[in-house]
Amino acid sequence: MIKYIAYRCGYVEENTTAIMVWEAQYTEGFKEREEALKSLAAYLYKKYCEEYIAKPKGCCQKAKRNYCSQCGTRICKPSFNEKDFQLFIVELMNTTCDSFGGWDDYASDEMVWNPWSASIIDLTKENSICIPEDGEVSITKRVVTQ
């Protein structure tokens, strides 16, 4: 069962020296490699949308055109920009627990992937996926947008 995904971002000389490790929690793990990668991609996409794609406010529900006449918010279906999402993934390497989001905010069943793995000592070849370079590209390929 896959419980960990570790990756480095960038390619060749631009490869990061640090490795980002995610631990699957509240689950036994994933049977298939692709299932685990898609799950992490979906989690990161949700996090990306929460931070970077504006949500219409209550007043926007009545908007009849492309902008809300009350607050000026642009009303449109958010588009997915692969490069922006990849940059988001790379920049996670520089976040702190507080800037990523407090443990209290994410210690719930909704948070399948934990960036604060305390049990990394349990990581083995059998229960992990290691992406030695271009982790941001590999994850982006697995994002499914609606």
N, C-alpha and C. Protein backbone atom coordinates (compact mmCIF):
# COMPACT_ATOMS: atom_id res chain seq x y z
N MET A 1 0.83 -1.19 0.00
CA MET A 1 0.00 0.00 0.00
C MET A 1 0.88 1.25 0.00
N ILE A 2 0.55 2.17 -0.86
CA ILE A 2 1.30 3.43 -0.96
C ILE A 2 0.84 4.38 0.15
N LYS A 3 1.78 4.80 0.98
CA LYS A 3 1.49 5.74 2.07
C LYS A 3 2.25 7.06 1.93
N TYR A 4 3.29 7.07 1.11
CA TYR A 4 4.12 8.26 0.98
C TYR A 4 4.38 8.59 -0.48
N ILE A 5 4.43 9.88 -0.77
CA ILE A 5 4.90 10.35 -2.07
C ILE A 5 5.97 11.40 -1.78
N ALA A 6 7.14 11.18 -2.36
CA ALA A 6 8.25 12.11 -2.20
C ALA A 6 8.65 12.59 -3.59
N TYR A 7 8.90 13.86 -3.72
CA TYR A 7 9.32 14.37 -5.03
C TYR A 7 10.28 15.54 -4.89
N ARG A 8 11.04 15.73 -5.94
CA ARG A 8 11.86 16.92 -6.11
C ARG A 8 11.33 17.64 -7.32
N CYS A 9 11.43 18.94 -7.32
CA CYS A 9 10.94 19.76 -8.43
C CYS A 9 12.11 20.21 -9.30
N GLY A 10 11.81 20.48 -10.55
CA GLY A 10 12.83 20.96 -11.47
C GLY A 10 13.48 19.82 -12.23
N TYR A 11 14.33 20.20 -13.15
CA TYR A 11 14.96 19.24 -14.05
C TYR A 11 16.45 19.52 -14.16
N VAL A 12 17.25 18.51 -14.09
CA VAL A 12 18.70 18.55 -14.21
C VAL A 12 19.28 19.60 -13.26
N GLU A 13 19.94 20.64 -13.78
CA GLU A 13 20.60 21.63 -12.92
C GLU A 13 19.61 22.44 -12.10
N GLU A 14 18.36 22.51 -12.54
CA GLU A 14 17.35 23.29 -11.83
C GLU A 14 16.60 22.45 -10.80
N ASN A 15 17.01 21.22 -10.60
CA ASN A 15 16.37 20.31 -9.65
C ASN A 15 16.58 20.83 -8.23
N THR A 16 15.54 20.79 -7.42
CA THR A 16 15.66 21.24 -6.04
C THR A 16 16.55 20.29 -5.24
N THR A 17 17.20 20.83 -4.25
CA THR A 17 18.05 19.98 -3.41
C THR A 17 17.23 19.32 -2.31
N ALA A 18 16.11 19.91 -1.96
CA ALA A 18 15.25 19.35 -0.93
C ALA A 18 14.18 18.45 -1.56
N ILE A 19 13.66 17.57 -0.76
CA ILE A 19 12.61 16.66 -1.20
C ILE A 19 11.35 16.96 -0.39
N MET A 20 10.22 17.06 -1.08
CA MET A 20 8.92 17.26 -0.41
C MET A 20 8.32 15.88 -0.19
N VAL A 21 7.93 15.59 1.04
CA VAL A 21 7.37 14.28 1.38
C VAL A 21 5.95 14.47 1.90
N TRP A 22 5.02 13.72 1.32
CA TRP A 22 3.63 13.73 1.74
C TRP A 22 3.27 12.36 2.27
N GLU A 23 2.53 12.33 3.37
CA GLU A 23 2.08 11.07 3.95
C GLU A 23 0.57 10.97 3.85
N ALA A 24 0.07 9.84 3.37
CA ALA A 24 -1.37 9.60 3.34
C ALA A 24 -1.83 9.27 4.75
N GLN A 25 -2.84 9.98 5.20
CA GLN A 25 -3.36 9.72 6.54
C GLN A 25 -4.85 9.44 6.46
N TYR A 26 -5.41 8.91 7.52
CA TYR A 26 -6.82 8.52 7.58
C TYR A 26 -7.18 7.51 6.51
N THR A 27 -6.20 6.76 6.07
CA THR A 27 -6.43 5.74 5.05
C THR A 27 -5.38 4.65 5.24
N GLU A 28 -5.70 3.48 4.77
CA GLU A 28 -4.73 2.38 4.81
C GLU A 28 -3.62 2.61 3.79
N GLY A 29 -3.89 3.50 2.86
CA GLY A 29 -2.96 3.74 1.77
C GLY A 29 -3.64 3.46 0.45
N PHE A 30 -2.89 3.49 -0.61
CA PHE A 30 -3.42 3.29 -1.95
C PHE A 30 -2.80 2.04 -2.56
N LYS A 31 -3.62 1.24 -3.20
CA LYS A 31 -3.13 -0.01 -3.80
C LYS A 31 -2.28 0.26 -5.03
N GLU A 32 -2.69 1.24 -5.80
CA GLU A 32 -2.02 1.53 -7.07
C GLU A 32 -1.27 2.85 -7.03
N ARG A 33 -0.16 2.89 -7.70
CA ARG A 33 0.67 4.10 -7.80
C ARG A 33 -0.14 5.26 -8.40
N GLU A 34 -0.82 5.00 -9.50
CA GLU A 34 -1.57 6.05 -10.20
C GLU A 34 -2.69 6.60 -9.32
N GLU A 35 -3.35 5.74 -8.57
CA GLU A 35 -4.41 6.16 -7.65
C GLU A 35 -3.86 7.14 -6.60
N ALA A 36 -2.70 6.83 -6.05
CA ALA A 36 -2.07 7.70 -5.05
C ALA A 36 -1.69 9.05 -5.67
N LEU A 37 -1.08 9.01 -6.84
CA LEU A 37 -0.67 10.26 -7.50
C LEU A 37 -1.87 11.14 -7.85
N LYS A 38 -2.94 10.52 -8.33
CA LYS A 38 -4.16 11.29 -8.65
C LYS A 38 -4.77 11.89 -7.39
N SER A 39 -4.72 11.15 -6.29
CA SER A 39 -5.26 11.66 -5.04
C SER A 39 -4.46 12.88 -4.56
N LEU A 40 -3.13 12.79 -4.60
CA LEU A 40 -2.30 13.94 -4.21
C LEU A 40 -2.54 15.11 -5.15
N ALA A 41 -2.63 14.86 -6.44
CA ALA A 41 -2.89 15.93 -7.41
C ALA A 41 -4.22 16.61 -7.11
N ALA A 42 -5.25 15.84 -6.80
CA ALA A 42 -6.57 16.41 -6.49
C ALA A 42 -6.51 17.25 -5.22
N TYR A 43 -5.78 16.76 -4.22
CA TYR A 43 -5.65 17.51 -2.97
C TYR A 43 -4.92 18.84 -3.21
N LEU A 44 -3.82 18.79 -3.95
CA LEU A 44 -3.06 20.02 -4.22
C LEU A 44 -3.85 20.98 -5.10
N TYR A 45 -4.63 20.45 -6.04
CA TYR A 45 -5.45 21.30 -6.89
C TYR A 45 -6.51 22.02 -6.04
N LYS A 46 -7.12 21.30 -5.11
CA LYS A 46 -8.10 21.92 -4.22
C LYS A 46 -7.46 23.03 -3.41
N LYS A 47 -6.28 22.76 -2.87
CA LYS A 47 -5.54 23.76 -2.09
C LYS A 47 -5.19 24.98 -2.96
N TYR A 48 -4.76 24.73 -4.18
CA TYR A 48 -4.43 25.79 -5.13
C TYR A 48 -5.66 26.66 -5.40
N CYS A 49 -6.79 26.03 -5.66
CA CYS A 49 -8.02 26.78 -5.94
C CYS A 49 -8.45 27.62 -4.75
N GLU A 50 -8.32 27.07 -3.55
CA GLU A 50 -8.69 27.81 -2.34
C GLU A 50 -7.87 29.09 -2.21
N GLU A 51 -6.62 29.04 -2.62
CA GLU A 51 -5.74 30.19 -2.43
C GLU A 51 -5.66 31.14 -3.62
N TYR A 52 -5.85 30.62 -4.83
CA TYR A 52 -5.56 31.45 -5.99
C TYR A 52 -6.72 31.72 -6.93
N ILE A 53 -7.83 31.05 -6.76
CA ILE A 53 -8.97 31.30 -7.65
C ILE A 53 -10.07 31.94 -6.81
N ALA A 54 -10.43 33.18 -7.18
CA ALA A 54 -11.41 33.94 -6.42
C ALA A 54 -12.78 33.26 -6.47
N LYS A 55 -13.44 33.29 -5.32
CA LYS A 55 -14.78 32.72 -5.23
C LYS A 55 -15.78 33.87 -5.24
N PRO A 56 -16.86 33.73 -6.00
CA PRO A 56 -17.89 34.78 -5.98
C PRO A 56 -18.48 34.93 -4.58
N LYS A 57 -18.80 36.15 -4.23
CA LYS A 57 -19.42 36.43 -2.93
C LYS A 57 -20.92 36.26 -3.04
N GLY A 58 -21.63 36.43 -1.95
CA GLY A 58 -23.08 36.28 -1.94
C GLY A 58 -23.77 37.22 -2.91
N CYS A 59 -23.27 38.45 -3.01
CA CYS A 59 -23.90 39.43 -3.90
C CYS A 59 -23.72 39.05 -5.38
N CYS A 60 -22.72 38.25 -5.65
CA CYS A 60 -22.42 37.87 -7.04
C CYS A 60 -23.45 36.89 -7.61
N GLN A 61 -24.22 36.24 -6.74
CA GLN A 61 -25.18 35.25 -7.21
C GLN A 61 -26.25 35.88 -8.11
N LYS A 62 -26.50 37.17 -7.94
CA LYS A 62 -27.52 37.86 -8.73
C LYS A 62 -26.96 38.46 -10.01
N ALA A 63 -25.67 38.36 -10.22
CA ALA A 63 -25.04 38.98 -11.39
C ALA A 63 -25.59 38.38 -12.68
N LYS A 64 -25.87 39.25 -13.63
CA LYS A 64 -26.42 38.79 -14.91
C LYS A 64 -25.40 38.89 -16.04
N ARG A 65 -24.29 39.51 -15.77
CA ARG A 65 -23.25 39.67 -16.77
C ARG A 65 -21.95 39.08 -16.25
N ASN A 66 -20.83 39.50 -16.84
CA ASN A 66 -19.52 38.96 -16.46
C ASN A 66 -18.94 39.57 -15.20
N TYR A 67 -19.58 40.62 -14.66
CA TYR A 67 -19.10 41.27 -13.44
C TYR A 67 -20.27 41.48 -12.49
N CYS A 68 -19.98 41.41 -11.20
CA CYS A 68 -20.98 41.72 -10.19
C CYS A 68 -21.10 43.23 -10.09
N SER A 69 -22.33 43.74 -10.21
CA SER A 69 -22.52 45.19 -10.18
C SER A 69 -22.31 45.77 -8.78
N GLN A 70 -22.36 44.93 -7.75
CA GLN A 70 -22.19 45.43 -6.39
C GLN A 70 -20.73 45.47 -5.94
N CYS A 71 -19.99 44.39 -6.18
CA CYS A 71 -18.61 44.35 -5.66
C CYS A 71 -17.55 44.39 -6.76
N GLY A 72 -17.95 44.20 -7.99
CA GLY A 72 -17.00 44.28 -9.10
C GLY A 72 -16.26 42.99 -9.40
N THR A 73 -16.58 41.91 -8.70
CA THR A 73 -15.92 40.62 -8.94
C THR A 73 -16.23 40.13 -10.34
N ARG A 74 -15.21 39.64 -11.02
CA ARG A 74 -15.40 39.08 -12.35
C ARG A 74 -16.05 37.71 -12.20
N ILE A 75 -17.11 37.49 -12.91
CA ILE A 75 -17.85 36.23 -12.84
C ILE A 75 -17.46 35.40 -14.06
N CYS A 76 -16.76 34.33 -13.82
CA CYS A 76 -16.36 33.45 -14.91
C CYS A 76 -15.99 32.09 -14.35
N LYS A 77 -15.98 31.12 -15.20
CA LYS A 77 -15.52 29.80 -14.79
C LYS A 77 -13.99 29.88 -14.72
N PRO A 78 -13.42 29.55 -13.58
CA PRO A 78 -11.96 29.63 -13.47
C PRO A 78 -11.27 28.71 -14.47
N SER A 79 -10.23 29.20 -15.06
CA SER A 79 -9.49 28.36 -15.99
C SER A 79 -8.23 27.84 -15.28
N PHE A 80 -7.80 26.68 -15.70
CA PHE A 80 -6.64 26.05 -15.09
C PHE A 80 -5.40 26.43 -15.88
N ASN A 81 -4.43 27.01 -15.20
CA ASN A 81 -3.17 27.38 -15.83
C ASN A 81 -2.10 26.43 -15.30
N GLU A 82 -1.62 25.55 -16.15
CA GLU A 82 -0.65 24.53 -15.74
C GLU A 82 0.62 25.14 -15.14
N LYS A 83 1.13 26.18 -15.77
CA LYS A 83 2.38 26.79 -15.28
C LYS A 83 2.20 27.41 -13.90
N ASP A 84 1.06 28.07 -13.67
CA ASP A 84 0.79 28.65 -12.35
C ASP A 84 0.68 27.55 -11.29
N PHE A 85 0.02 26.45 -11.66
CA PHE A 85 -0.13 25.34 -10.72
C PHE A 85 1.23 24.71 -10.42
N GLN A 86 2.06 24.56 -11.43
CA GLN A 86 3.40 24.01 -11.21
C GLN A 86 4.22 24.93 -10.32
N LEU A 87 4.11 26.21 -10.52
CA LEU A 87 4.81 27.17 -9.66
C LEU A 87 4.32 27.06 -8.21
N PHE A 88 3.01 26.89 -8.04
CA PHE A 88 2.43 26.68 -6.71
C PHE A 88 3.08 25.47 -6.03
N ILE A 89 3.22 24.37 -6.78
CA ILE A 89 3.81 23.15 -6.23
C ILE A 89 5.27 23.39 -5.85
N VAL A 90 6.01 24.05 -6.72
CA VAL A 90 7.43 24.34 -6.44
C VAL A 90 7.54 25.22 -5.19
N GLU A 91 6.68 26.21 -5.09
CA GLU A 91 6.74 27.14 -3.96
C GLU A 91 6.36 26.49 -2.63
N LEU A 92 5.68 25.34 -2.67
CA LEU A 92 5.39 24.63 -1.43
C LEU A 92 6.67 24.23 -0.71
N MET A 93 7.76 24.11 -1.45
CA MET A 93 9.05 23.75 -0.84
C MET A 93 9.51 24.84 0.13
N ASN A 94 9.00 26.05 -0.02
CA ASN A 94 9.44 27.18 0.82
C ASN A 94 8.41 27.60 1.85
N THR A 95 7.35 26.82 2.02
CA THR A 95 6.33 27.20 2.99
C THR A 95 6.69 26.71 4.38
N THR A 96 6.02 27.29 5.35
CA THR A 96 6.11 26.81 6.73
C THR A 96 4.75 26.19 7.06
N CYS A 97 4.66 25.55 8.20
CA CYS A 97 3.37 24.98 8.61
C CYS A 97 2.30 26.07 8.67
N ASP A 98 2.68 27.25 9.19
CA ASP A 98 1.71 28.34 9.29
C ASP A 98 1.30 28.88 7.93
N SER A 99 2.25 29.05 7.02
CA SER A 99 1.88 29.61 5.72
C SER A 99 1.12 28.60 4.86
N PHE A 100 1.38 27.32 5.05
CA PHE A 100 0.62 26.30 4.32
C PHE A 100 -0.79 26.19 4.88
N GLY A 101 -0.90 26.36 6.16
CA GLY A 101 -2.18 26.23 6.85
C GLY A 101 -1.94 25.50 8.14
N GLY A 102 -2.53 26.00 9.19
CA GLY A 102 -2.30 25.41 10.51
C GLY A 102 -2.80 23.98 10.61
N TRP A 103 -2.16 23.22 11.46
CA TRP A 103 -2.54 21.82 11.67
C TRP A 103 -4.01 21.73 12.06
N ASP A 104 -4.50 22.63 12.89
CA ASP A 104 -5.91 22.59 13.30
C ASP A 104 -6.84 22.73 12.11
N ASP A 105 -6.43 23.50 11.11
CA ASP A 105 -7.26 23.69 9.92
C ASP A 105 -7.33 22.42 9.08
N TYR A 106 -6.28 21.61 9.14
CA TYR A 106 -6.19 20.49 8.22
C TYR A 106 -6.23 19.12 8.88
N ALA A 107 -6.32 19.08 10.19
CA ALA A 107 -6.36 17.79 10.89
C ALA A 107 -7.79 17.26 10.85
N SER A 108 -8.23 16.91 9.66
CA SER A 108 -9.58 16.41 9.48
C SER A 108 -9.57 15.31 8.43
N ASP A 109 -10.69 14.65 8.28
CA ASP A 109 -10.79 13.58 7.29
C ASP A 109 -10.60 14.10 5.87
N GLU A 110 -10.82 15.40 5.66
CA GLU A 110 -10.67 15.97 4.32
C GLU A 110 -9.20 16.06 3.90
N MET A 111 -8.33 16.08 4.87
CA MET A 111 -6.91 16.20 4.56
C MET A 111 -6.28 14.81 4.49
N VAL A 112 -6.32 14.23 3.32
CA VAL A 112 -5.75 12.90 3.13
C VAL A 112 -4.23 12.97 3.13
N TRP A 113 -3.66 14.04 2.57
CA TRP A 113 -2.20 14.15 2.43
C TRP A 113 -1.64 15.14 3.44
N ASN A 114 -0.67 14.68 4.20
CA ASN A 114 -0.09 15.44 5.28
C ASN A 114 1.35 15.83 4.93
N PRO A 115 1.65 17.15 4.86
CA PRO A 115 3.02 17.57 4.57
C PRO A 115 3.91 17.61 5.81
N TRP A 116 3.34 17.30 6.97
CA TRP A 116 4.11 17.36 8.21
C TRP A 116 4.36 15.95 8.74
N SER A 117 4.74 15.07 7.89
CA SER A 117 4.89 13.67 8.27
C SER A 117 5.88 13.50 9.42
N ALA A 118 5.38 12.93 10.50
CA ALA A 118 6.24 12.66 11.65
C ALA A 118 6.76 11.23 11.62
N SER A 119 6.19 10.43 10.74
CA SER A 119 6.56 9.01 10.73
C SER A 119 7.35 8.63 9.48
N ILE A 120 8.12 9.56 8.98
CA ILE A 120 8.90 9.30 7.76
C ILE A 120 9.87 8.12 7.93
N ILE A 121 10.16 7.80 9.14
CA ILE A 121 11.04 6.66 9.40
C ILE A 121 10.42 5.36 8.88
N ASP A 122 9.10 5.34 8.72
CA ASP A 122 8.39 4.16 8.22
C ASP A 122 8.42 4.08 6.69
N LEU A 123 8.95 5.07 6.03
CA LEU A 123 8.99 5.10 4.57
C LEU A 123 9.89 3.98 4.04
N THR A 124 9.35 3.18 3.13
CA THR A 124 10.12 2.10 2.51
C THR A 124 9.91 2.14 1.00
N LYS A 125 10.68 1.37 0.30
CA LYS A 125 10.54 1.28 -1.16
C LYS A 125 9.16 0.75 -1.54
N GLU A 126 8.61 -0.13 -0.71
CA GLU A 126 7.33 -0.75 -1.01
C GLU A 126 6.13 0.15 -0.74
N ASN A 127 6.24 1.08 0.21
CA ASN A 127 5.07 1.89 0.56
C ASN A 127 5.19 3.34 0.10
N SER A 128 6.08 3.58 -0.85
CA SER A 128 6.27 4.97 -1.27
C SER A 128 6.49 5.10 -2.78
N ILE A 129 6.31 6.31 -3.23
CA ILE A 129 6.61 6.68 -4.61
C ILE A 129 7.65 7.78 -4.51
N CYS A 130 8.72 7.67 -5.27
CA CYS A 130 9.74 8.70 -5.29
C CYS A 130 9.87 9.23 -6.71
N ILE A 131 9.69 10.52 -6.86
CA ILE A 131 9.82 11.18 -8.16
C ILE A 131 11.10 12.02 -8.07
N PRO A 132 12.19 11.57 -8.69
CA PRO A 132 13.48 12.22 -8.49
C PRO A 132 13.64 13.60 -9.15
N GLU A 133 12.80 13.90 -10.14
CA GLU A 133 12.85 15.22 -10.77
C GLU A 133 11.51 15.51 -11.44
N ASP A 134 11.27 16.80 -11.68
CA ASP A 134 10.03 17.24 -12.32
C ASP A 134 8.77 16.76 -11.61
N GLY A 135 8.80 16.73 -10.29
CA GLY A 135 7.63 16.32 -9.53
C GLY A 135 6.42 17.18 -9.83
N GLU A 136 6.65 18.48 -10.02
CA GLU A 136 5.54 19.39 -10.30
C GLU A 136 4.87 19.06 -11.64
N VAL A 137 5.65 18.60 -12.60
CA VAL A 137 5.10 18.22 -13.91
C VAL A 137 4.32 16.91 -13.78
N SER A 138 4.88 15.96 -13.08
CA SER A 138 4.24 14.66 -12.89
C SER A 138 2.89 14.82 -12.19
N ILE A 139 2.82 15.65 -11.18
CA ILE A 139 1.57 15.88 -10.45
C ILE A 139 0.57 16.63 -11.32
N THR A 140 1.02 17.65 -12.04
CA THR A 140 0.12 18.44 -12.88
C THR A 140 -0.53 17.57 -13.95
N LYS A 141 0.18 16.60 -14.49
CA LYS A 141 -0.39 15.72 -15.52
C LYS A 141 -1.58 14.93 -14.99
N ARG A 142 -1.69 14.82 -13.69
CA ARG A 142 -2.74 14.00 -13.09
C ARG A 142 -3.91 14.82 -12.55
N VAL A 143 -3.89 16.12 -12.76
CA VAL A 143 -4.99 16.97 -12.29
C VAL A 143 -6.16 16.83 -13.25
N VAL A 144 -7.33 16.60 -12.67
CA VAL A 144 -8.56 16.53 -13.44
C VAL A 144 -9.39 17.74 -13.05
N THR A 145 -9.62 18.66 -13.98
CA THR A 145 -10.42 19.84 -13.69
C THR A 145 -11.82 19.65 -14.28
N GLN A 146 -12.77 20.23 -13.62
CA GLN A 146 -14.17 20.12 -14.08
C GLN A 146 -14.51 21.31 -14.94
